[in-house]
C-alpha atoms as a PDB file:
ATOM      1  CA  UNK A   1      -3.269  25.026 -23.216  1.00  0.00           C
ATOM      2  CA  UNK A   2      -0.098  25.691 -25.154  1.00  0.00           C
ATOM      3  CA  UNK A   3       0.203  23.489 -28.259  1.00  0.00           C
ATOM      4  CA  UNK A   4       3.657  23.099 -29.798  1.00  0.00           C
ATOM      5  CA  UNK A   5       4.962  21.310 -32.864  1.00  0.00           C
ATOM      6  CA  UNK A   6       8.254  19.493 -32.382  1.00  0.00           C
ATOM      7  CA  UNK A   7      10.315  17.031 -34.364  1.00  0.00           C
ATOM      8  CA  UNK A   8      12.377  14.102 -33.151  1.00  0.00           C
ATOM      9  CA  UNK A   9      15.251  15.094 -30.839  1.00  0.00           C
ATOM     10  CA  UNK A  10      13.793  18.561 -30.247  1.00  0.00           C
ATOM     11  CA  UNK A  11      13.071  19.698 -26.707  1.00  0.00           C
ATOM     12  CA  UNK A  12      10.631  21.706 -24.670  1.00  0.00           C
ATOM     13  CA  UNK A  13      11.646  23.399 -21.414  1.00  0.00           C
ATOM     14  CA  UNK A  14       9.191  23.778 -18.534  1.00  0.00           C
ATOM     15  CA  UNK A  15      10.638  26.363 -16.206  1.00  0.00           C
ATOM     16  CA  UNK A  16      14.382  26.085 -15.641  1.00  0.00           C
ATOM     17  CA  UNK A  17      14.543  22.478 -14.506  1.00  0.00           C
ATOM     18  CA  UNK A  18      12.208  20.269 -16.566  1.00  0.00           C
ATOM     19  CA  UNK A  19      13.197  19.180 -20.055  1.00  0.00           C
ATOM     20  CA  UNK A  20      10.897  17.203 -22.371  1.00  0.00           C
ATOM     21  CA  UNK A  21      12.587  15.598 -25.376  1.00  0.00           C
ATOM     22  CA  UNK A  22      10.812  14.063 -28.368  1.00  0.00           C
ATOM     23  CA  UNK A  23      12.579  10.686 -28.481  1.00  0.00           C
ATOM     24  CA  UNK A  24      10.652   8.919 -31.215  1.00  0.00           C
ATOM     25  CA  UNK A  25       7.640   9.388 -33.476  1.00  0.00           C
ATOM     26  CA  UNK A  26       6.163   6.208 -34.908  1.00  0.00           C
ATOM     27  CA  UNK A  27       2.770   6.430 -36.578  1.00  0.00           C
ATOM     28  CA  UNK A  28       0.337   7.922 -34.091  1.00  0.00           C
ATOM     29  CA  UNK A  29       2.605   7.342 -31.073  1.00  0.00           C
ATOM     30  CA  UNK A  30       5.139   9.770 -29.664  1.00  0.00           C
ATOM     31  CA  UNK A  31       7.797   8.721 -27.135  1.00  0.00           C
ATOM     32  CA  UNK A  32       8.878  11.441 -24.727  1.00  0.00           C
ATOM     33  CA  UNK A  33      11.922  11.637 -22.508  1.00  0.00           C
ATOM     34  CA  UNK A  34      11.444  13.739 -19.387  1.00  0.00           C
ATOM     35  CA  UNK A  35      14.290  15.063 -17.252  1.00  0.00           C
ATOM     36  CA  UNK A  36      13.127  16.575 -13.981  1.00  0.00           C
ATOM     37  CA  UNK A  37      14.575  17.127 -10.510  1.00  0.00           C
ATOM     38  CA  UNK A  38      14.250  14.167  -8.143  1.00  0.00           C
ATOM     39  CA  UNK A  39      11.680  16.034  -6.048  1.00  0.00           C
ATOM     40  CA  UNK A  40       9.291  16.362  -9.022  1.00  0.00           C
ATOM     41  CA  UNK A  41       7.027  13.366  -9.603  1.00  0.00           C
ATOM     42  CA  UNK A  42       6.368  12.479 -13.240  1.00  0.00           C
ATOM     43  CA  UNK A  43       3.610   9.971 -14.031  1.00  0.00           C
ATOM     44  CA  UNK A  44       1.365   9.006 -16.911  1.00  0.00           C
ATOM     45  CA  UNK A  45      -2.103  10.388 -16.221  1.00  0.00           C
ATOM     46  CA  UNK A  46      -3.720   7.002 -15.539  1.00  0.00           C
ATOM     47  CA  UNK A  47      -1.001   6.164 -12.995  1.00  0.00           C
ATOM     48  CA  UNK A  48      -1.334   9.569 -11.357  1.00  0.00           C
ATOM     49  CA  UNK A  49      -5.112   9.131 -11.045  1.00  0.00           C
ATOM     50  CA  UNK A  50      -4.710   5.643  -9.538  1.00  0.00           C
ATOM     51  CA  UNK A  51      -2.245   7.033  -6.996  1.00  0.00           C
ATOM     52  CA  UNK A  52      -4.677   9.823  -6.107  1.00  0.00           C
ATOM     53  CA  UNK A  53      -7.469   7.289  -5.587  1.00  0.00           C
ATOM     54  CA  UNK A  54      -5.166   5.323  -3.311  1.00  0.00           C
ATOM     55  CA  UNK A  55      -5.098   2.307  -5.608  1.00  0.00           C
ATOM     56  CA  UNK A  56      -2.093   0.342  -6.758  1.00  0.00           C
ATOM     57  CA  UNK A  57      -1.468   1.397 -10.372  1.00  0.00           C
ATOM     58  CA  UNK A  58      -1.647  -1.463 -12.883  1.00  0.00           C
ATOM     59  CA  UNK A  59       1.929  -1.204 -14.181  1.00  0.00           C
ATOM     60  CA  UNK A  60       3.600  -4.141 -15.929  1.00  0.00           C
ATOM     61  CA  UNK A  61       6.615  -5.429 -13.966  1.00  0.00           C
ATOM     62  CA  UNK A  62       9.056  -4.468 -16.745  1.00  0.00           C
ATOM     63  CA  UNK A  63       7.924  -0.818 -16.652  1.00  0.00           C
ATOM     64  CA  UNK A  64       8.368  -0.166 -12.930  1.00  0.00           C
END
């Protein structure tokens, strides 16, 4: 696992087409912005695992 230190508004590139931006740091929470091609799925881990199990992820309506 690669561990990086970043500050707000700094970015990490994954390959040539995925960009992760540190949007906000507030206490122990970090907000990330992820830009990826349309054919690349990006999910929070718990949503990804629910999808893999074939269950409907429990996502609040305002976050869909």
